[in-house]
């Protein structure tokens, strides 16, 4: 029996890229949910035209958008087996979704991170502060928890019932690291899959600004230290 797979895509002003992202998602996905995070362009229209379910979350924040998608799924009669989170900027390769979910389907792994490894990463696709931030966060998780993560990549898959057990709460930049920390605390089985990564379409709302970079860094380190001394 094929697993039910649903994809949640938080998107803020991604009108140029969102159609490409949706078009490249494999056909074994049952539903693509785009959560427009207070977009002021044609993101919602373009996502709907590409065949996605479109939700609107007016509170700005990556976590707010992800939680909106989860709340929508929670109200559905038939629940999915796997949830995939994917960005709407076309920096990831959506067709690699089959690789992200394979460890869950074939090996009963709970949680899979798409790792943006250097050898598959387009030049300039990650800023120096992103590279350093990922290294620091995963290094600290290794020191405090013995974790084997190498990335905080947003392209990730998790069993739906395991996701619910994490009781996710971060509303903004700390969403990805919160998920990984809670997965470690709850002893979920996890693995990473090397992913290709390219320069995004448009300008990043986080790493593309000094303010966004600082806020993201503070959030990520805050979650790590919060869990390290619990």
N, C-alpha and C. Protein backbone atom coordinates (compact mmCIF):
# COMPACT_ATOMS: atom_id res chain seq x y z
N UNK A 1 0.84 -1.20 0.00
CA UNK A 1 0.00 0.00 0.00
C UNK A 1 0.88 1.25 0.00
N UNK A 2 0.63 2.14 -0.93
CA UNK A 2 1.44 3.36 -1.04
C UNK A 2 1.16 4.31 0.11
N UNK A 3 2.22 4.90 0.69
CA UNK A 3 2.01 5.86 1.78
C UNK A 3 1.37 7.14 1.26
N UNK A 4 0.59 7.78 2.11
CA UNK A 4 0.01 9.08 1.77
C UNK A 4 1.03 10.15 2.14
N UNK A 5 1.45 10.93 1.14
CA UNK A 5 2.48 11.94 1.33
C UNK A 5 1.90 13.32 1.05
N UNK A 6 2.11 14.25 1.96
CA UNK A 6 1.67 15.63 1.75
C UNK A 6 2.87 16.56 1.93
N UNK A 7 2.91 17.59 1.11
CA UNK A 7 4.01 18.54 1.13
C UNK A 7 3.50 19.90 1.61
N UNK A 8 4.23 20.49 2.56
CA UNK A 8 3.91 21.84 3.04
C UNK A 8 5.02 22.78 2.57
N UNK A 9 4.61 23.83 1.86
CA UNK A 9 5.57 24.81 1.33
C UNK A 9 5.24 26.19 1.88
N UNK A 10 6.00 26.70 2.85
CA UNK A 10 5.82 28.09 3.29
C UNK A 10 6.34 29.00 2.17
N UNK A 11 5.61 30.06 1.87
CA UNK A 11 6.04 30.92 0.76
C UNK A 11 5.69 32.37 1.03
N UNK A 12 6.70 33.22 0.94
CA UNK A 12 6.47 34.66 1.08
C UNK A 12 7.01 35.35 -0.17
N UNK A 13 6.10 35.87 -0.99
CA UNK A 13 6.46 36.57 -2.23
C UNK A 13 7.39 35.74 -3.11
N UNK A 14 6.91 34.57 -3.49
CA UNK A 14 7.67 33.66 -4.35
C UNK A 14 6.95 33.45 -5.69
N UNK A 15 6.38 34.51 -6.24
CA UNK A 15 5.59 34.36 -7.46
C UNK A 15 6.41 33.85 -8.65
N UNK A 16 7.69 34.15 -8.69
CA UNK A 16 8.52 33.74 -9.81
C UNK A 16 8.93 32.26 -9.75
N UNK A 17 8.94 31.72 -8.56
CA UNK A 17 9.49 30.37 -8.39
C UNK A 17 8.46 29.30 -8.04
N UNK A 18 7.36 29.68 -7.42
CA UNK A 18 6.47 28.69 -6.83
C UNK A 18 5.90 27.71 -7.86
N UNK A 19 5.62 28.19 -9.06
CA UNK A 19 5.11 27.29 -10.09
C UNK A 19 6.12 26.23 -10.48
N UNK A 20 7.39 26.61 -10.54
CA UNK A 20 8.45 25.64 -10.86
C UNK A 20 8.58 24.58 -9.78
N UNK A 21 8.51 25.03 -8.53
CA UNK A 21 8.63 24.11 -7.40
C UNK A 21 7.52 23.05 -7.47
N UNK A 22 6.29 23.50 -7.63
CA UNK A 22 5.14 22.59 -7.65
C UNK A 22 5.22 21.64 -8.84
N UNK A 23 5.61 22.17 -10.00
CA UNK A 23 5.67 21.34 -11.21
C UNK A 23 6.68 20.20 -11.08
N UNK A 24 7.75 20.41 -10.31
CA UNK A 24 8.81 19.41 -10.19
C UNK A 24 8.59 18.40 -9.06
N UNK A 25 7.53 18.57 -8.30
CA UNK A 25 7.25 17.62 -7.22
C UNK A 25 6.73 16.31 -7.82
N UNK A 26 7.29 15.18 -7.41
CA UNK A 26 6.88 13.90 -7.98
C UNK A 26 5.38 13.62 -7.82
N UNK A 27 4.86 12.80 -8.71
CA UNK A 27 3.42 12.54 -8.76
C UNK A 27 2.94 11.60 -7.66
N UNK A 28 3.87 11.01 -6.90
CA UNK A 28 3.44 10.14 -5.80
C UNK A 28 3.00 10.93 -4.58
N UNK A 29 3.07 12.26 -4.67
CA UNK A 29 2.60 13.12 -3.59
C UNK A 29 1.10 13.31 -3.72
N UNK A 30 0.39 13.16 -2.62
CA UNK A 30 -1.08 13.24 -2.63
C UNK A 30 -1.62 14.66 -2.61
N UNK A 31 -0.89 15.57 -1.95
CA UNK A 31 -1.36 16.95 -1.90
C UNK A 31 -0.18 17.88 -1.63
N UNK A 32 -0.14 18.98 -2.37
CA UNK A 32 0.85 20.03 -2.15
C UNK A 32 0.12 21.22 -1.54
N UNK A 33 0.58 21.63 -0.36
CA UNK A 33 -0.06 22.72 0.37
C UNK A 33 0.90 23.90 0.43
N UNK A 34 0.55 24.98 -0.24
CA UNK A 34 1.35 26.20 -0.21
C UNK A 34 0.72 27.15 0.80
N UNK A 35 1.52 27.56 1.77
CA UNK A 35 1.03 28.51 2.77
C UNK A 35 1.65 29.87 2.47
N UNK A 36 0.83 30.76 1.96
CA UNK A 36 1.29 32.11 1.64
C UNK A 36 1.42 32.90 2.93
N UNK A 37 2.67 33.28 3.24
CA UNK A 37 2.97 33.93 4.51
C UNK A 37 2.92 35.45 4.35
N UNK A 38 1.70 35.96 4.18
CA UNK A 38 1.46 37.39 4.01
C UNK A 38 2.06 37.92 2.71
N UNK A 39 2.00 37.11 1.65
CA UNK A 39 2.53 37.52 0.34
C UNK A 39 1.73 38.69 -0.22
N UNK A 40 2.45 39.57 -0.90
CA UNK A 40 1.80 40.73 -1.51
C UNK A 40 1.87 40.69 -3.04
N UNK A 41 2.38 39.59 -3.59
CA UNK A 41 2.48 39.45 -5.04
C UNK A 41 1.51 38.38 -5.53
N UNK A 42 1.85 37.68 -6.60
CA UNK A 42 0.95 36.67 -7.17
C UNK A 42 1.30 35.25 -6.75
N UNK A 43 1.96 35.11 -5.60
CA UNK A 43 2.32 33.77 -5.10
C UNK A 43 1.09 32.88 -5.00
N UNK A 44 0.03 33.36 -4.38
CA UNK A 44 -1.16 32.54 -4.17
C UNK A 44 -1.80 32.14 -5.49
N UNK A 45 -1.94 33.07 -6.40
CA UNK A 45 -2.55 32.80 -7.70
C UNK A 45 -1.72 31.80 -8.49
N UNK A 46 -0.42 31.99 -8.52
CA UNK A 46 0.45 31.09 -9.28
C UNK A 46 0.49 29.69 -8.68
N UNK A 47 0.43 29.62 -7.35
CA UNK A 47 0.42 28.31 -6.69
C UNK A 47 -0.88 27.57 -7.00
N UNK A 48 -1.99 28.28 -6.95
CA UNK A 48 -3.29 27.66 -7.26
C UNK A 48 -3.33 27.21 -8.71
N UNK A 49 -2.82 28.02 -9.61
CA UNK A 49 -2.80 27.66 -11.03
C UNK A 49 -1.94 26.43 -11.29
N UNK A 50 -0.93 26.22 -10.43
CA UNK A 50 -0.05 25.06 -10.58
C UNK A 50 -0.64 23.80 -9.95
N UNK A 51 -1.80 23.94 -9.29
CA UNK A 51 -2.48 22.77 -8.75
C UNK A 51 -2.36 22.55 -7.26
N UNK A 52 -1.79 23.51 -6.55
CA UNK A 52 -1.61 23.37 -5.10
C UNK A 52 -2.85 23.82 -4.34
N UNK A 53 -3.01 23.28 -3.14
CA UNK A 53 -3.95 23.83 -2.18
C UNK A 53 -3.28 25.07 -1.59
N UNK A 54 -3.98 26.19 -1.57
CA UNK A 54 -3.36 27.43 -1.10
C UNK A 54 -4.04 27.91 0.18
N UNK A 55 -3.21 28.13 1.20
CA UNK A 55 -3.67 28.68 2.47
C UNK A 55 -3.01 30.03 2.67
N UNK A 56 -3.62 30.86 3.49
CA UNK A 56 -3.05 32.17 3.77
C UNK A 56 -2.81 32.32 5.26
N UNK A 57 -1.58 32.71 5.62
CA UNK A 57 -1.20 32.99 7.00
C UNK A 57 -0.65 34.40 7.05
N UNK A 58 -1.40 35.30 7.66
CA UNK A 58 -1.01 36.71 7.65
C UNK A 58 0.07 37.07 8.67
N UNK A 59 0.28 36.20 9.65
CA UNK A 59 1.35 36.46 10.61
C UNK A 59 2.67 36.03 9.99
N UNK A 60 3.60 36.96 9.86
CA UNK A 60 4.87 36.64 9.23
C UNK A 60 5.71 35.73 10.12
N UNK A 61 6.32 34.75 9.51
CA UNK A 61 7.16 33.82 10.24
C UNK A 61 7.09 32.44 9.63
N UNK A 62 8.26 31.84 9.40
CA UNK A 62 8.34 30.51 8.79
C UNK A 62 7.55 29.49 9.60
N UNK A 63 7.71 29.54 10.91
CA UNK A 63 7.01 28.60 11.77
C UNK A 63 5.50 28.77 11.73
N UNK A 64 5.06 30.02 11.69
CA UNK A 64 3.62 30.29 11.57
C UNK A 64 3.05 29.60 10.32
N UNK A 65 3.77 29.72 9.21
CA UNK A 65 3.31 29.12 7.96
C UNK A 65 3.26 27.60 8.05
N UNK A 66 4.29 27.01 8.63
CA UNK A 66 4.32 25.54 8.76
C UNK A 66 3.19 25.05 9.66
N UNK A 67 2.97 25.76 10.77
CA UNK A 67 1.90 25.38 11.69
C UNK A 67 0.53 25.51 11.04
N UNK A 68 0.36 26.51 10.17
CA UNK A 68 -0.90 26.68 9.45
C UNK A 68 -1.17 25.46 8.57
N UNK A 69 -0.14 25.00 7.88
CA UNK A 69 -0.28 23.81 7.05
C UNK A 69 -0.61 22.58 7.88
N UNK A 70 0.03 22.44 9.04
CA UNK A 70 -0.25 21.30 9.92
C UNK A 70 -1.67 21.35 10.46
N UNK A 71 -2.14 22.54 10.81
CA UNK A 71 -3.51 22.67 11.32
C UNK A 71 -4.54 22.28 10.26
N UNK A 72 -4.25 22.64 9.02
CA UNK A 72 -5.13 22.26 7.90
C UNK A 72 -5.20 20.74 7.76
N UNK A 73 -4.06 20.08 7.83
CA UNK A 73 -4.01 18.63 7.70
C UNK A 73 -4.71 17.95 8.87
N UNK A 74 -4.57 18.53 10.06
CA UNK A 74 -5.17 17.94 11.27
C UNK A 74 -6.69 17.85 11.16
N UNK A 75 -7.30 18.71 10.35
CA UNK A 75 -8.75 18.73 10.20
C UNK A 75 -9.26 17.78 9.12
N UNK A 76 -8.33 17.17 8.39
CA UNK A 76 -8.73 16.25 7.33
C UNK A 76 -9.09 14.89 7.91
N UNK A 77 -10.03 14.23 7.28
CA UNK A 77 -10.49 12.93 7.77
C UNK A 77 -9.41 11.87 7.62
N UNK A 78 -8.79 11.82 6.46
CA UNK A 78 -7.73 10.84 6.21
C UNK A 78 -6.38 11.52 6.41
N UNK A 79 -5.62 11.01 7.36
CA UNK A 79 -4.33 11.62 7.71
C UNK A 79 -3.21 11.03 6.86
N UNK A 80 -2.19 11.83 6.58
CA UNK A 80 -1.05 11.34 5.79
C UNK A 80 -0.14 10.44 6.62
N UNK A 81 0.70 9.72 5.92
CA UNK A 81 1.74 8.93 6.57
C UNK A 81 3.03 9.73 6.72
N UNK A 82 3.29 10.57 5.72
CA UNK A 82 4.55 11.33 5.69
C UNK A 82 4.27 12.79 5.35
N UNK A 83 4.94 13.68 6.06
CA UNK A 83 4.89 15.11 5.74
C UNK A 83 6.28 15.52 5.24
N UNK A 84 6.29 16.23 4.13
CA UNK A 84 7.53 16.79 3.60
C UNK A 84 7.44 18.30 3.66
N UNK A 85 8.49 18.93 4.17
CA UNK A 85 8.60 20.39 4.17
C UNK A 85 9.59 20.80 3.09
N UNK A 86 9.22 21.81 2.32
CA UNK A 86 10.03 22.23 1.18
C UNK A 86 9.87 23.74 1.00
N UNK A 87 10.97 24.43 0.71
CA UNK A 87 10.89 25.87 0.49
C UNK A 87 10.33 26.18 -0.89
N UNK A 88 9.82 27.40 -1.03
CA UNK A 88 9.18 27.80 -2.27
C UNK A 88 10.06 28.60 -3.21
N UNK A 89 11.38 28.64 -2.94
CA UNK A 89 12.26 29.52 -3.72
C UNK A 89 13.01 28.81 -4.85
N UNK A 90 12.80 27.51 -5.00
CA UNK A 90 13.40 26.70 -6.06
C UNK A 90 14.90 26.50 -5.89
N UNK A 91 15.39 26.64 -4.66
CA UNK A 91 16.80 26.36 -4.41
C UNK A 91 17.04 24.86 -4.26
N UNK A 92 16.05 24.15 -3.73
CA UNK A 92 16.12 22.70 -3.67
C UNK A 92 15.64 22.12 -5.00
N UNK A 93 15.86 20.83 -5.18
CA UNK A 93 15.38 20.13 -6.37
C UNK A 93 14.19 19.27 -5.93
N UNK A 94 12.96 19.74 -6.15
CA UNK A 94 11.78 19.02 -5.65
C UNK A 94 11.69 17.58 -6.10
N UNK A 95 12.26 17.27 -7.28
CA UNK A 95 12.21 15.89 -7.78
C UNK A 95 12.98 14.94 -6.88
N UNK A 96 13.84 15.47 -6.01
CA UNK A 96 14.56 14.61 -5.08
C UNK A 96 13.72 14.20 -3.88
N UNK A 97 12.48 14.60 -3.88
CA UNK A 97 11.57 14.19 -2.80
C UNK A 97 11.53 12.67 -2.66
N UNK A 98 11.61 11.95 -3.76
CA UNK A 98 11.59 10.48 -3.68
C UNK A 98 12.77 9.96 -2.86
N UNK A 99 13.91 10.66 -2.93
CA UNK A 99 15.09 10.26 -2.15
C UNK A 99 14.92 10.60 -0.68
N UNK A 100 14.24 11.74 -0.41
CA UNK A 100 14.01 12.17 0.97
C UNK A 100 13.10 11.19 1.71
N UNK A 101 12.06 10.70 1.05
CA UNK A 101 11.09 9.82 1.72
C UNK A 101 11.51 8.36 1.70
N UNK A 102 12.47 7.99 0.86
CA UNK A 102 12.87 6.59 0.73
C UNK A 102 13.29 5.93 2.05
N UNK A 103 14.11 6.59 2.90
CA UNK A 103 14.48 5.94 4.17
C UNK A 103 13.28 5.66 5.07
N UNK A 104 12.25 6.50 4.99
CA UNK A 104 11.05 6.27 5.79
C UNK A 104 10.28 5.07 5.25
N UNK A 105 10.10 5.03 3.95
CA UNK A 105 9.32 3.97 3.32
C UNK A 105 10.05 2.63 3.35
N UNK A 106 11.33 2.66 3.06
CA UNK A 106 12.08 1.41 2.91
C UNK A 106 12.71 0.90 4.20
N UNK A 107 13.10 1.83 5.09
CA UNK A 107 13.83 1.42 6.30
C UNK A 107 13.16 1.82 7.60
N UNK A 108 11.94 2.34 7.52
CA UNK A 108 11.17 2.72 8.70
C UNK A 108 11.85 3.79 9.55
N UNK A 109 12.65 4.65 8.92
CA UNK A 109 13.28 5.77 9.62
C UNK A 109 12.19 6.80 9.93
N UNK A 110 12.29 7.48 11.07
CA UNK A 110 11.27 8.45 11.46
C UNK A 110 11.41 9.80 10.78
N UNK A 111 12.65 10.24 10.55
CA UNK A 111 12.90 11.64 10.22
C UNK A 111 14.11 11.72 9.28
N UNK A 112 13.96 12.48 8.19
CA UNK A 112 15.03 12.58 7.20
C UNK A 112 15.30 14.04 6.85
N UNK A 113 16.57 14.43 6.89
CA UNK A 113 16.99 15.78 6.52
C UNK A 113 17.65 15.73 5.15
N UNK A 114 17.29 16.65 4.28
CA UNK A 114 18.00 16.82 3.03
C UNK A 114 19.22 17.68 3.27
N UNK A 115 20.40 17.10 3.23
CA UNK A 115 21.64 17.81 3.57
C UNK A 115 22.23 18.48 2.33
N UNK A 116 22.43 19.78 2.44
CA UNK A 116 22.96 20.56 1.32
C UNK A 116 24.49 20.45 1.31
N UNK A 117 24.99 19.32 0.85
CA UNK A 117 26.42 19.04 0.91
C UNK A 117 27.19 19.86 -0.13
N UNK A 118 28.41 20.19 0.21
CA UNK A 118 29.20 21.11 -0.60
C UNK A 118 29.38 20.63 -2.03
N UNK A 119 29.63 19.32 -2.22
CA UNK A 119 29.93 18.83 -3.56
C UNK A 119 28.75 18.91 -4.52
N UNK A 120 27.52 19.02 -3.96
CA UNK A 120 26.34 19.11 -4.82
C UNK A 120 25.72 20.51 -4.79
N UNK A 121 26.42 21.45 -4.21
CA UNK A 121 25.88 22.79 -3.99
C UNK A 121 26.43 23.76 -5.03
N UNK A 122 25.55 24.46 -5.70
CA UNK A 122 25.95 25.45 -6.69
C UNK A 122 26.70 26.59 -6.01
N UNK A 123 27.70 27.11 -6.67
CA UNK A 123 28.49 28.21 -6.11
C UNK A 123 27.59 29.40 -5.79
N UNK A 124 27.70 29.88 -4.55
CA UNK A 124 26.92 31.03 -4.13
C UNK A 124 25.52 30.71 -3.64
N UNK A 125 25.13 29.44 -3.68
CA UNK A 125 23.77 29.07 -3.28
C UNK A 125 23.54 29.28 -1.79
N UNK A 126 24.59 29.14 -1.00
CA UNK A 126 24.52 29.42 0.43
C UNK A 126 25.52 30.52 0.75
N UNK A 127 25.08 31.50 1.52
CA UNK A 127 25.98 32.59 1.90
C UNK A 127 26.99 32.09 2.94
N UNK A 128 28.11 32.79 3.10
CA UNK A 128 29.10 32.38 4.11
C UNK A 128 28.48 32.31 5.51
N UNK A 129 27.56 33.23 5.82
CA UNK A 129 26.94 33.19 7.15
C UNK A 129 26.02 31.98 7.30
N UNK A 130 25.39 31.55 6.21
CA UNK A 130 24.58 30.33 6.28
C UNK A 130 25.46 29.11 6.52
N UNK A 131 26.55 29.02 5.78
CA UNK A 131 27.46 27.88 5.93
C UNK A 131 27.99 27.82 7.35
N UNK A 132 28.44 28.98 7.86
CA UNK A 132 28.97 29.01 9.23
C UNK A 132 27.88 28.69 10.25
N UNK A 133 26.70 29.28 10.07
CA UNK A 133 25.60 29.04 11.00
C UNK A 133 25.20 27.58 11.07
N UNK A 134 25.15 26.93 9.91
CA UNK A 134 24.83 25.51 9.89
C UNK A 134 25.90 24.69 10.58
N UNK A 135 27.16 25.03 10.31
CA UNK A 135 28.26 24.31 10.95
C UNK A 135 28.19 24.48 12.46
N UNK A 136 28.01 25.70 12.95
CA UNK A 136 27.98 25.96 14.38
C UNK A 136 26.82 25.23 15.05
N UNK A 137 25.64 25.32 14.46
CA UNK A 137 24.46 24.69 15.06
C UNK A 137 24.62 23.17 15.12
N UNK A 138 25.09 22.56 14.04
CA UNK A 138 25.22 21.10 14.04
C UNK A 138 26.39 20.65 14.91
N UNK A 139 27.43 21.48 14.99
CA UNK A 139 28.56 21.18 15.89
C UNK A 139 28.08 21.16 17.34
N UNK A 140 27.29 22.17 17.73
CA UNK A 140 26.78 22.22 19.09
C UNK A 140 25.83 21.06 19.39
N UNK A 141 25.03 20.68 18.41
CA UNK A 141 24.15 19.53 18.62
C UNK A 141 24.95 18.25 18.79
N UNK A 142 26.09 18.18 18.12
CA UNK A 142 26.97 17.03 18.29
C UNK A 142 27.59 17.02 19.68
N UNK A 143 28.03 18.19 20.13
CA UNK A 143 28.67 18.30 21.45
C UNK A 143 27.69 17.97 22.57
N UNK A 144 26.49 18.55 22.51
CA UNK A 144 25.53 18.41 23.60
C UNK A 144 24.71 17.13 23.54
N UNK A 145 24.46 16.64 22.32
CA UNK A 145 23.53 15.51 22.19
C UNK A 145 24.11 14.31 21.43
N UNK A 146 25.35 14.44 20.95
CA UNK A 146 25.93 13.35 20.17
C UNK A 146 25.25 13.18 18.82
N UNK A 147 24.64 14.24 18.33
CA UNK A 147 23.89 14.16 17.07
C UNK A 147 24.83 14.04 15.88
N UNK A 148 24.32 13.45 14.81
CA UNK A 148 25.09 13.27 13.59
C UNK A 148 24.60 14.17 12.45
N UNK A 149 23.83 15.18 12.79
CA UNK A 149 23.36 16.11 11.76
C UNK A 149 24.54 16.93 11.21
N UNK A 150 24.46 17.25 9.91
CA UNK A 150 25.45 18.13 9.30
C UNK A 150 24.80 19.39 8.74
N UNK A 151 23.47 19.47 8.77
CA UNK A 151 22.77 20.59 8.16
C UNK A 151 21.43 20.83 8.84
N UNK A 152 20.92 22.06 8.67
CA UNK A 152 19.57 22.40 9.13
C UNK A 152 18.65 22.55 7.92
N UNK A 153 18.94 21.81 6.87
CA UNK A 153 18.22 21.95 5.61
C UNK A 153 16.71 21.92 5.75
N UNK A 154 16.00 22.87 5.12
CA UNK A 154 14.54 22.93 5.24
C UNK A 154 13.81 21.85 4.45
N UNK A 155 14.49 21.23 3.49
CA UNK A 155 13.89 20.13 2.72
C UNK A 155 14.01 18.87 3.57
N UNK A 156 12.88 18.42 4.13
CA UNK A 156 12.91 17.33 5.10
C UNK A 156 11.60 16.55 5.10
N UNK A 157 11.66 15.33 5.57
CA UNK A 157 10.47 14.48 5.63
C UNK A 157 10.40 13.83 7.00
N UNK A 158 9.18 13.63 7.48
CA UNK A 158 8.97 13.04 8.79
C UNK A 158 7.65 12.29 8.82
N UNK A 159 7.61 11.20 9.57
CA UNK A 159 6.34 10.49 9.75
C UNK A 159 5.35 11.43 10.42
N UNK A 160 4.13 11.43 9.93
CA UNK A 160 3.15 12.39 10.42
C UNK A 160 2.91 12.25 11.93
N UNK A 161 2.74 11.03 12.42
CA UNK A 161 2.44 10.87 13.84
C UNK A 161 3.64 11.25 14.71
N UNK A 162 4.83 11.11 14.18
CA UNK A 162 6.03 11.55 14.92
C UNK A 162 6.11 13.08 14.96
N UNK A 163 5.71 13.70 13.87
CA UNK A 163 5.69 15.16 13.83
C UNK A 163 4.74 15.71 14.89
N UNK A 164 3.58 15.10 15.02
CA UNK A 164 2.61 15.55 16.03
C UNK A 164 3.18 15.40 17.44
N UNK A 165 3.92 14.33 17.66
CA UNK A 165 4.48 14.08 18.99
C UNK A 165 5.54 15.13 19.37
N UNK A 166 6.13 15.79 18.38
CA UNK A 166 7.14 16.81 18.67
C UNK A 166 6.53 18.08 19.26
N UNK A 167 5.23 18.27 19.02
CA UNK A 167 4.52 19.46 19.52
C UNK A 167 5.29 20.74 19.16
N UNK A 168 5.47 20.92 17.89
CA UNK A 168 6.21 22.06 17.37
C UNK A 168 5.57 23.38 17.79
N UNK A 169 6.41 24.37 18.10
CA UNK A 169 5.87 25.63 18.60
C UNK A 169 6.54 26.88 18.05
N UNK A 170 7.78 26.77 17.53
CA UNK A 170 8.47 27.98 17.08
C UNK A 170 7.72 28.61 15.92
N UNK A 171 7.59 29.93 15.97
CA UNK A 171 6.80 30.66 14.97
C UNK A 171 7.64 31.30 13.87
N UNK A 172 8.95 31.35 14.07
CA UNK A 172 9.76 32.08 13.09
C UNK A 172 10.97 31.28 12.62
N UNK A 173 12.16 31.79 12.86
CA UNK A 173 13.36 31.23 12.26
C UNK A 173 13.86 29.94 12.91
N UNK A 174 13.37 29.64 14.11
CA UNK A 174 13.89 28.49 14.83
C UNK A 174 13.22 27.16 14.52
N UNK A 175 12.29 27.16 13.58
CA UNK A 175 11.49 25.97 13.28
C UNK A 175 12.34 24.74 12.97
N UNK A 176 13.31 24.87 12.08
CA UNK A 176 14.08 23.70 11.64
C UNK A 176 14.91 23.11 12.78
N UNK A 177 15.60 23.97 13.52
CA UNK A 177 16.44 23.46 14.61
C UNK A 177 15.58 22.92 15.75
N UNK A 178 14.43 23.52 16.00
CA UNK A 178 13.52 22.99 17.03
C UNK A 178 13.13 21.55 16.69
N UNK A 179 12.79 21.32 15.43
CA UNK A 179 12.39 19.97 15.02
C UNK A 179 13.53 18.96 15.24
N UNK A 180 14.74 19.36 14.89
CA UNK A 180 15.87 18.45 15.05
C UNK A 180 16.20 18.20 16.51
N UNK A 181 16.13 19.24 17.35
CA UNK A 181 16.39 19.07 18.77
C UNK A 181 15.35 18.18 19.43
N UNK A 182 14.08 18.39 19.08
CA UNK A 182 13.02 17.57 19.68
C UNK A 182 13.10 16.13 19.19
N UNK A 183 13.52 15.96 17.94
CA UNK A 183 13.70 14.59 17.42
C UNK A 183 14.79 13.87 18.21
N UNK A 184 15.85 14.61 18.56
CA UNK A 184 16.93 14.02 19.37
C UNK A 184 16.43 13.69 20.77
N UNK A 185 15.71 14.63 21.38
CA UNK A 185 15.20 14.43 22.74
C UNK A 185 14.26 13.23 22.82
N UNK A 186 13.44 13.06 21.78
CA UNK A 186 12.47 11.96 21.78
C UNK A 186 13.03 10.69 21.15
N UNK A 187 14.32 10.74 20.82
CA UNK A 187 15.04 9.57 20.31
C UNK A 187 14.41 9.00 19.03
N UNK A 188 13.99 9.91 18.15
CA UNK A 188 13.52 9.47 16.85
C UNK A 188 14.70 8.93 16.04
N UNK A 189 14.45 7.94 15.23
CA UNK A 189 15.49 7.50 14.30
C UNK A 189 15.57 8.52 13.18
N UNK A 190 16.79 8.83 12.74
CA UNK A 190 16.94 9.85 11.72
C UNK A 190 18.14 9.56 10.83
N UNK A 191 18.12 10.19 9.68
CA UNK A 191 19.25 10.09 8.76
C UNK A 191 19.27 11.33 7.89
N UNK A 192 20.35 11.50 7.15
CA UNK A 192 20.45 12.59 6.18
C UNK A 192 20.63 12.01 4.78
N UNK A 193 20.11 12.72 3.79
CA UNK A 193 20.29 12.34 2.40
C UNK A 193 20.95 13.51 1.68
N UNK A 194 22.08 13.30 1.01
CA UNK A 194 22.74 14.40 0.31
C UNK A 194 21.84 14.95 -0.80
N UNK A 195 21.72 16.27 -0.83
CA UNK A 195 20.84 16.94 -1.78
C UNK A 195 21.62 17.93 -2.64
N UNK A 196 21.15 18.10 -3.85
CA UNK A 196 21.66 19.19 -4.70
C UNK A 196 21.03 20.49 -4.22
N UNK A 197 21.72 21.58 -4.46
CA UNK A 197 21.22 22.88 -4.00
C UNK A 197 21.71 23.96 -4.95
N UNK A 198 20.80 24.85 -5.37
CA UNK A 198 21.16 25.87 -6.36
C UNK A 198 20.80 27.26 -5.85
N UNK A 199 21.25 28.25 -6.57
CA UNK A 199 20.89 29.62 -6.22
C UNK A 199 19.39 29.81 -6.35
N UNK A 200 18.79 30.38 -5.34
CA UNK A 200 17.36 30.57 -5.31
C UNK A 200 16.91 31.61 -6.34
N UNK A 201 15.63 31.59 -6.67
CA UNK A 201 15.04 32.64 -7.49
C UNK A 201 14.63 33.76 -6.55
N UNK A 202 15.08 34.99 -6.82
CA UNK A 202 14.75 36.11 -5.95
C UNK A 202 15.75 36.23 -4.80
N UNK A 203 15.44 37.13 -3.87
CA UNK A 203 16.33 37.42 -2.74
C UNK A 203 15.81 36.77 -1.47
N UNK A 204 16.71 36.14 -0.72
CA UNK A 204 16.31 35.50 0.53
C UNK A 204 15.81 36.51 1.53
N UNK A 205 14.72 36.16 2.23
CA UNK A 205 14.17 37.05 3.25
C UNK A 205 14.90 36.89 4.58
N UNK A 206 15.73 35.87 4.68
CA UNK A 206 16.49 35.65 5.92
C UNK A 206 17.95 35.95 5.70
N UNK A 207 18.65 35.08 4.96
CA UNK A 207 20.09 35.26 4.77
C UNK A 207 20.42 36.44 3.87
N UNK A 208 19.42 36.95 3.15
CA UNK A 208 19.66 38.08 2.26
C UNK A 208 19.69 39.41 2.96
N UNK A 209 19.39 39.44 4.26
CA UNK A 209 19.41 40.69 5.02
C UNK A 209 20.20 40.50 6.31
N UNK A 210 20.83 41.57 6.76
CA UNK A 210 21.59 41.51 8.02
C UNK A 210 20.64 41.21 9.17
N UNK A 211 19.51 41.90 9.22
CA UNK A 211 18.53 41.69 10.29
C UNK A 211 18.07 40.25 10.33
N UNK A 212 17.73 39.69 9.16
CA UNK A 212 17.25 38.31 9.10
C UNK A 212 18.30 37.33 9.56
N UNK A 213 19.54 37.56 9.14
CA UNK A 213 20.64 36.67 9.53
C UNK A 213 20.85 36.67 11.04
N UNK A 214 20.84 37.86 11.64
CA UNK A 214 21.04 37.97 13.10
C UNK A 214 19.90 37.31 13.85
N UNK A 215 18.66 37.61 13.47
CA UNK A 215 17.50 37.02 14.14
C UNK A 215 17.52 35.50 14.03
N UNK A 216 17.84 34.99 12.84
CA UNK A 216 17.88 33.54 12.66
C UNK A 216 18.95 32.92 13.55
N UNK A 217 20.12 33.55 13.59
CA UNK A 217 21.19 33.02 14.42
C UNK A 217 20.84 33.00 15.89
N UNK A 218 20.24 34.07 16.38
CA UNK A 218 19.82 34.15 17.78
C UNK A 218 18.79 33.07 18.09
N UNK A 219 17.83 32.90 17.21
CA UNK A 219 16.78 31.89 17.41
C UNK A 219 17.37 30.48 17.48
N UNK A 220 18.23 30.18 16.52
CA UNK A 220 18.81 28.83 16.44
C UNK A 220 19.64 28.52 17.67
N UNK A 221 20.52 29.45 18.05
CA UNK A 221 21.36 29.22 19.23
C UNK A 221 20.51 29.19 20.50
N UNK A 222 19.46 30.00 20.54
CA UNK A 222 18.56 30.00 21.70
C UNK A 222 17.92 28.64 21.93
N UNK A 223 17.46 28.02 20.85
CA UNK A 223 16.85 26.69 20.97
C UNK A 223 17.88 25.65 21.44
N UNK A 224 19.07 25.73 20.88
CA UNK A 224 20.09 24.74 21.24
C UNK A 224 20.44 24.85 22.72
N UNK A 225 20.68 26.05 23.21
CA UNK A 225 21.05 26.20 24.61
C UNK A 225 19.88 25.91 25.55
N UNK A 226 18.67 26.21 25.11
CA UNK A 226 17.49 25.92 25.91
C UNK A 226 17.38 24.41 26.15
N UNK A 227 17.61 23.61 25.10
CA UNK A 227 17.49 22.17 25.25
C UNK A 227 18.72 21.54 25.88
N UNK A 228 19.85 22.21 25.76
CA UNK A 228 21.08 21.65 26.31
C UNK A 228 21.07 21.63 27.83
N UNK A 229 20.34 22.58 28.43
CA UNK A 229 20.35 22.68 29.89
C UNK A 229 19.01 22.32 30.52
N UNK A 230 18.18 21.60 29.74
CA UNK A 230 16.90 21.12 30.29
C UNK A 230 17.12 19.91 31.17
